[in-house]
Protein backbone atom coordinates (compact mmCIF):
# COMPACT_ATOMS: atom_id res chain seq x y z
CA MET A 1 -2.44 23.97 -6.26
CA LEU A 2 -1.75 23.94 -2.51
CA ASN A 3 -2.88 26.87 -0.31
CA THR A 4 -0.41 27.88 2.63
CA TYR A 5 -1.88 25.60 5.27
CA ASP A 6 -1.49 22.62 2.85
CA TRP A 7 1.98 23.63 2.02
CA LEU A 8 2.96 23.86 5.50
CA LYS A 9 1.17 20.46 6.12
CA THR A 10 2.93 18.72 3.20
CA ALA A 11 6.20 20.01 4.60
CA VAL A 12 5.66 18.49 7.84
CA ILE A 13 4.40 15.21 6.52
CA ARG A 14 7.46 15.08 3.97
CA ARG A 15 10.06 15.19 6.66
CA ARG A 16 8.15 12.62 8.68
CA ILE A 17 7.68 10.11 5.55
CA ASN A 18 11.06 10.62 3.83
CA ARG A 19 14.29 9.01 5.10
CA PRO A 20 17.29 10.62 4.02
CA ASP A 21 19.22 7.48 3.67
CA ALA A 22 16.37 5.36 1.76
CA ALA A 23 17.59 4.15 -1.56
CA VAL A 24 14.05 2.40 -2.25
CA TYR A 25 10.68 3.65 -1.21
CA VAL A 26 7.70 1.43 -1.43
CA ILE A 27 4.74 3.70 -2.17
CA SER A 28 1.19 2.81 -2.40
CA TYR A 29 -2.29 4.08 -1.71
CA PRO A 30 -3.67 2.78 1.63
CA LYS A 31 -4.94 -1.09 1.32
CA CYS A 32 -3.20 -1.85 -1.84
CA GLY A 33 -1.13 -4.86 -0.32
CA ARG A 34 1.59 -3.11 1.18
CA THR A 35 1.41 -5.16 4.53
CA TRP A 36 1.63 -8.38 2.73
CA LEU A 37 4.48 -7.13 0.73
CA ARG A 38 6.25 -5.91 3.94
CA LEU A 39 5.93 -8.98 5.59
CA LEU A 40 7.16 -10.96 2.50
CA ILE A 41 10.05 -8.68 2.37
CA GLY A 42 10.71 -9.00 6.23
CA LYS A 43 10.38 -12.74 6.43
CA ALA A 44 12.89 -13.05 3.59
CA ILE A 45 15.59 -10.68 4.95
CA CYS A 46 15.08 -12.01 8.63
CA ASP A 47 15.79 -15.45 7.39
CA GLN A 48 18.74 -14.37 5.07
CA TYR A 49 20.57 -12.62 7.71
CA GLY A 50 19.23 -14.37 11.05
CA LEU A 51 17.27 -11.25 12.42
CA PRO A 52 14.72 -11.64 15.15
CA GLU A 53 11.24 -12.33 13.89
CA GLU A 54 9.80 -9.09 15.93
CA GLN A 55 11.88 -6.87 13.52
CA MET A 56 9.86 -8.38 10.53
CA ILE A 57 7.56 -5.52 9.54
CA ASP A 58 10.23 -2.64 10.59
CA THR A 59 11.51 -2.72 6.84
CA TYR A 60 13.56 0.70 7.41
CA ARG A 61 15.47 -1.02 10.13
CA ILE A 62 16.07 -4.42 8.68
CA THR A 63 17.35 -3.05 5.41
CA ALA A 64 20.23 -1.33 7.33
CA VAL A 65 21.94 -4.83 6.69
CA PRO A 66 24.96 -5.18 4.17
CA ASP A 67 23.96 -6.26 0.48
CA VAL A 68 20.27 -4.81 0.12
CA LEU A 69 19.44 -1.12 -0.62
CA ARG A 70 17.69 0.76 2.57
CA THR A 71 14.00 0.53 1.90
CA HIS A 72 11.11 2.47 3.39
CA PHE A 73 7.49 2.33 2.96
CA SER A 74 5.40 5.22 2.40
CA HIS A 75 1.76 6.45 1.44
CA ASP A 76 3.42 9.65 -0.02
CA PHE A 77 0.35 12.13 1.25
CA SER A 78 -2.44 9.63 0.33
CA SER A 79 -2.76 8.23 3.99
CA LEU A 80 -6.28 8.12 5.26
CA LYS A 81 -5.39 9.51 8.63
CA ALA A 82 -4.00 12.77 6.65
CA GLY A 83 -7.18 12.98 4.70
CA PHE A 84 -5.90 15.32 1.94
CA PRO A 85 -8.79 15.97 -0.73
CA TYR A 86 -8.04 14.48 -3.85
CA ASN A 87 -7.28 17.93 -5.47
CA ARG A 88 -4.67 18.64 -2.96
CA LEU A 89 -2.48 15.81 -3.37
CA PRO A 90 1.22 16.94 -4.11
CA ALA A 91 2.07 16.78 -7.77
CA ASP A 92 5.73 17.35 -7.11
CA LYS A 93 7.72 13.90 -6.93
CA SER A 94 11.30 15.59 -7.18
CA ALA A 95 12.26 14.21 -3.70
CA TYR A 96 12.16 10.78 -4.95
CA ALA A 97 14.75 11.96 -7.90
CA ASP A 98 17.65 9.99 -6.33
CA SER A 99 15.67 6.85 -5.05
CA LYS A 100 14.13 3.88 -6.69
CA VAL A 101 10.45 3.47 -6.36
CA ILE A 102 8.15 0.42 -6.12
CA PHE A 103 4.60 1.55 -6.81
CA ILE A 104 1.75 -0.85 -5.81
CA THR A 105 -1.73 -0.72 -7.20
CA ARG A 106 -4.90 -2.53 -6.77
CA ASN A 107 -8.37 -2.67 -8.38
CA VAL A 108 -9.74 0.87 -7.33
CA LYS A 109 -13.03 -0.69 -6.30
CA ASP A 110 -11.42 -3.13 -4.23
CA VAL A 111 -9.35 -0.56 -2.61
CA LEU A 112 -12.46 1.64 -1.72
CA VAL A 113 -13.84 -1.44 0.14
CA SER A 114 -10.91 -1.93 2.07
CA SER A 115 -10.16 1.78 2.62
CA TYR A 116 -13.88 2.06 4.11
CA PHE A 117 -13.38 -0.34 6.65
CA GLN A 118 -9.98 0.84 7.76
CA ALA A 119 -11.41 4.48 8.05
CA THR A 120 -14.50 3.29 10.06
CA LYS A 121 -13.68 0.65 12.10
CA ARG A 122 -9.80 1.09 12.60
CA ILE A 123 -9.08 4.87 12.74
CA GLY A 124 -12.48 6.46 13.03
CA LYS A 125 -11.96 8.92 10.07
CA PHE A 126 -15.31 8.48 8.55
CA GLN A 127 -18.96 8.28 9.52
CA GLY A 128 -21.41 7.32 6.91
CA ASN A 129 -22.23 4.19 4.56
CA ILE A 130 -20.05 2.88 1.74
CA SER A 131 -21.82 4.82 -0.98
CA GLU A 132 -21.09 8.22 0.70
CA PHE A 133 -17.56 7.18 1.27
CA ILE A 134 -16.65 6.32 -2.52
CA ARG A 135 -17.98 9.67 -3.47
CA SER A 136 -15.95 11.52 -0.75
CA LYS A 137 -13.22 14.10 -2.02
CA ARG A 138 -11.11 13.04 0.85
CA TYR A 139 -11.29 9.12 0.73
CA GLY A 140 -13.19 8.26 -2.56
CA ALA A 141 -12.61 7.20 -6.02
CA ARG A 142 -11.53 10.33 -7.53
CA LYS A 143 -8.72 10.34 -4.71
CA ILE A 144 -7.22 7.06 -5.66
CA VAL A 145 -7.54 7.70 -9.32
CA THR A 146 -5.80 11.20 -8.96
CA PHE A 147 -2.99 9.63 -6.93
CA TYR A 148 -2.24 6.83 -9.51
CA ASN A 149 -2.33 9.20 -12.34
CA LEU A 150 0.13 11.53 -10.44
CA TRP A 151 2.51 8.75 -10.10
CA HIS A 152 1.73 7.60 -13.79
CA THR A 153 2.92 10.99 -14.82
CA ASN A 154 5.89 11.15 -12.78
CA GLN A 155 7.07 7.49 -13.00
CA ASN A 156 10.46 8.95 -14.91
CA VAL A 157 11.43 10.94 -11.81
CA PRO A 158 13.01 8.43 -9.70
CA GLU A 159 16.08 6.77 -10.63
CA ALA A 160 14.17 3.44 -11.44
CA PHE A 161 10.19 2.79 -11.15
CA MET A 162 8.83 -0.47 -10.67
CA HIS A 163 4.89 -0.94 -10.97
CA LEU A 164 3.62 -3.70 -8.99
CA ARG A 165 0.11 -4.72 -9.11
CA TYR A 166 -1.68 -6.54 -6.47
CA GLU A 167 -3.39 -8.84 -8.66
CA GLU A 168 -0.21 -9.99 -9.92
CA MET A 169 1.21 -10.70 -6.29
CA HIS A 170 -1.94 -12.46 -5.80
CA ALA A 171 -1.56 -14.70 -8.71
CA ASP A 172 2.09 -15.47 -8.24
CA PRO A 173 3.46 -14.08 -4.93
CA GLU A 174 6.75 -15.87 -5.51
CA ALA A 175 7.43 -14.15 -8.88
CA ALA A 176 6.53 -11.11 -7.35
CA LEU A 177 8.71 -11.25 -4.22
CA LYS A 178 11.75 -12.16 -6.30
CA GLN A 179 11.39 -9.30 -8.62
CA VAL A 180 11.08 -6.85 -5.50
CA LEU A 181 14.21 -8.39 -4.05
CA GLN A 182 15.94 -8.10 -7.15
CA PHE A 183 14.99 -4.35 -7.38
CA MET A 184 16.26 -4.01 -3.83
CA GLU A 185 19.48 -5.51 -4.86
CA LEU A 186 19.41 -8.16 -2.25
CA GLN A 187 22.41 -10.47 -2.61
CA ASN A 188 22.33 -14.26 -3.16
CA PHE A 189 18.99 -15.12 -2.17
CA ASP A 190 17.66 -18.59 -3.53
CA ASP A 191 14.04 -20.07 -4.34
CA ALA A 192 13.77 -21.70 -0.85
CA LEU A 193 14.18 -18.57 0.82
CA VAL A 194 11.41 -16.98 -1.41
CA ARG A 195 9.11 -20.05 -0.86
CA ALA A 196 9.53 -19.84 2.93
CA ALA A 197 8.45 -15.89 2.87
CA VAL A 198 5.45 -16.83 0.84
CA GLU A 199 4.29 -19.56 2.89
CA PHE A 200 4.77 -17.82 6.09
CA SER A 201 2.85 -14.68 4.65
CA ARG A 202 -0.19 -16.43 3.47
CA PHE A 203 -3.54 -14.43 4.55
CA GLU A 204 -4.78 -17.27 7.15
CA ASN A 205 -1.41 -17.03 8.92
CA MET A 206 -1.21 -13.18 8.75
CA LYS A 207 -4.73 -13.11 10.17
CA LYS A 208 -3.62 -15.47 13.29
CA LEU A 209 -0.50 -13.50 13.86
CA GLU A 210 -2.45 -10.39 13.97
CA ALA A 211 -5.26 -11.54 16.35
CA LYS A 212 -2.50 -13.11 18.87
CA GLY A 213 -0.55 -9.68 18.70
CA PHE A 214 2.55 -11.24 17.06
CA PHE A 215 3.57 -7.88 15.24
CA ARG A 216 3.70 -5.83 18.79
CA ASP A 217 2.56 -2.69 16.73
CA GLU A 218 -0.62 -0.86 17.52
CA LYS A 219 -1.10 -0.30 13.75
CA MET A 220 -0.88 -4.14 13.29
CA GLN A 221 -3.83 -4.74 15.84
CA PRO A 222 -7.61 -5.40 15.36
CA GLY A 223 -10.11 -2.86 16.10
CA GLN A 224 -12.16 -5.54 17.66
CA LYS A 225 -11.09 -9.21 17.88
CA SER A 226 -14.87 -10.30 17.46
CA ASP A 227 -15.04 -8.23 14.19
CA THR A 228 -13.31 -9.64 11.17
CA GLU A 229 -13.91 -6.58 9.30
CA SER A 230 -11.79 -4.54 11.78
CA PHE A 231 -8.74 -6.60 11.31
CA LYS A 232 -5.61 -4.85 9.52
CA VAL A 233 -5.29 -8.11 7.41
CA ARG A 234 -9.06 -8.30 6.52
CA LYS A 235 -9.83 -10.66 3.35
CA GLY A 236 -7.30 -10.05 0.72
CA LYS A 237 -9.63 -11.16 -2.00
CA VAL A 238 -9.38 -10.23 -5.64
CA GLY A 239 -12.64 -8.85 -6.78
CA GLY A 240 -14.26 -8.96 -3.33
CA TYR A 241 -15.91 -5.44 -3.76
CA ARG A 242 -18.83 -7.26 -5.37
CA GLU A 243 -19.95 -8.21 -1.81
CA TYR A 244 -20.17 -4.59 -0.48
CA LEU A 245 -20.90 -2.19 -3.68
CA SER A 246 -24.26 -1.68 -5.39
CA ALA A 247 -24.46 -1.58 -9.05
CA ALA A 248 -24.94 2.24 -8.79
CA ASP A 249 -21.72 2.25 -6.69
CA ILE A 250 -19.75 0.28 -9.29
CA ALA A 251 -21.14 2.21 -12.06
CA TYR A 252 -19.82 5.37 -10.29
CA VAL A 253 -16.33 4.04 -9.96
CA ASP A 254 -16.13 2.87 -13.29
CA GLY A 255 -17.49 6.39 -14.65
CA ILE A 256 -14.40 8.13 -12.77
CA ILE A 257 -11.72 5.64 -14.11
CA ALA A 258 -13.18 6.19 -17.56
CA GLU A 259 -13.62 9.88 -17.30
CA THR A 260 -9.78 10.22 -16.24
CA GLY A 261 -8.11 7.58 -18.56
CA CYS A 262 -6.18 6.12 -15.61
CA PRO A 263 -3.51 3.84 -17.08
CA PHE A 264 -2.72 2.19 -13.59
CA ALA A 265 -6.48 1.48 -13.28
CA GLU A 266 -6.22 -0.70 -16.43
CA GLY A 267 -8.84 -3.56 -16.04
CA GLY A 268 -10.46 -1.90 -13.26
CA ILE A 269 -13.70 -1.06 -15.29
CA GLY A 270 -16.08 -4.02 -14.81
CA ALA A 271 -13.28 -6.21 -13.53
């Protein structure tokens, strides 16, 4: 239950993260692949309508064109900057009742590793080691699982709901992008448009674009160009958490997933 301070804080954030004319919300916990999806969508729409490339990651702006639903990206109170503890995440999703929602999930352990580098090397929100981070009420495993479970419970609230797994995007990005564009009701796009967007949005190219400042957005700049772990586009690996988490850390996260019975984390235990 939210206290008065948290209620006021959620009201302020809700006004900032919601757009009154958005018909589609792309919602995810941080570091679930939304930057990649944003670029995939942006490249496809900019190519379809001949829009300037520098507008590519401004999804809300570029979806003002005809024949596509106005779309907005949101972390829905799970932002690392806001730092809501897991037990203060708002459960009420009625604000999305008249919208369509694309909900992105990723292996909880991979999300934790990427979030740790975001919190320590990019936004300065956490001091401590990764073992402490994954056990944190504000940033750790229980928060991710709580966020996933809140949306699993409320998936029938929006007008339409699409669950998109990062691992599915990784395995077949063309199929994932087609599904997303159809959900956004983009008209008359073809396979060539999708292939071009996928090719442009490959991770090595995204890192190169970030390094040279292509995106013209401070949120898309590396913390330090000499430190690859400080890049917004870091590695994008499936199962990369094994390079960073100890056996005890992995057991802890798997225990949280097992305890909560998180459907959206299916395959996350031991994966």
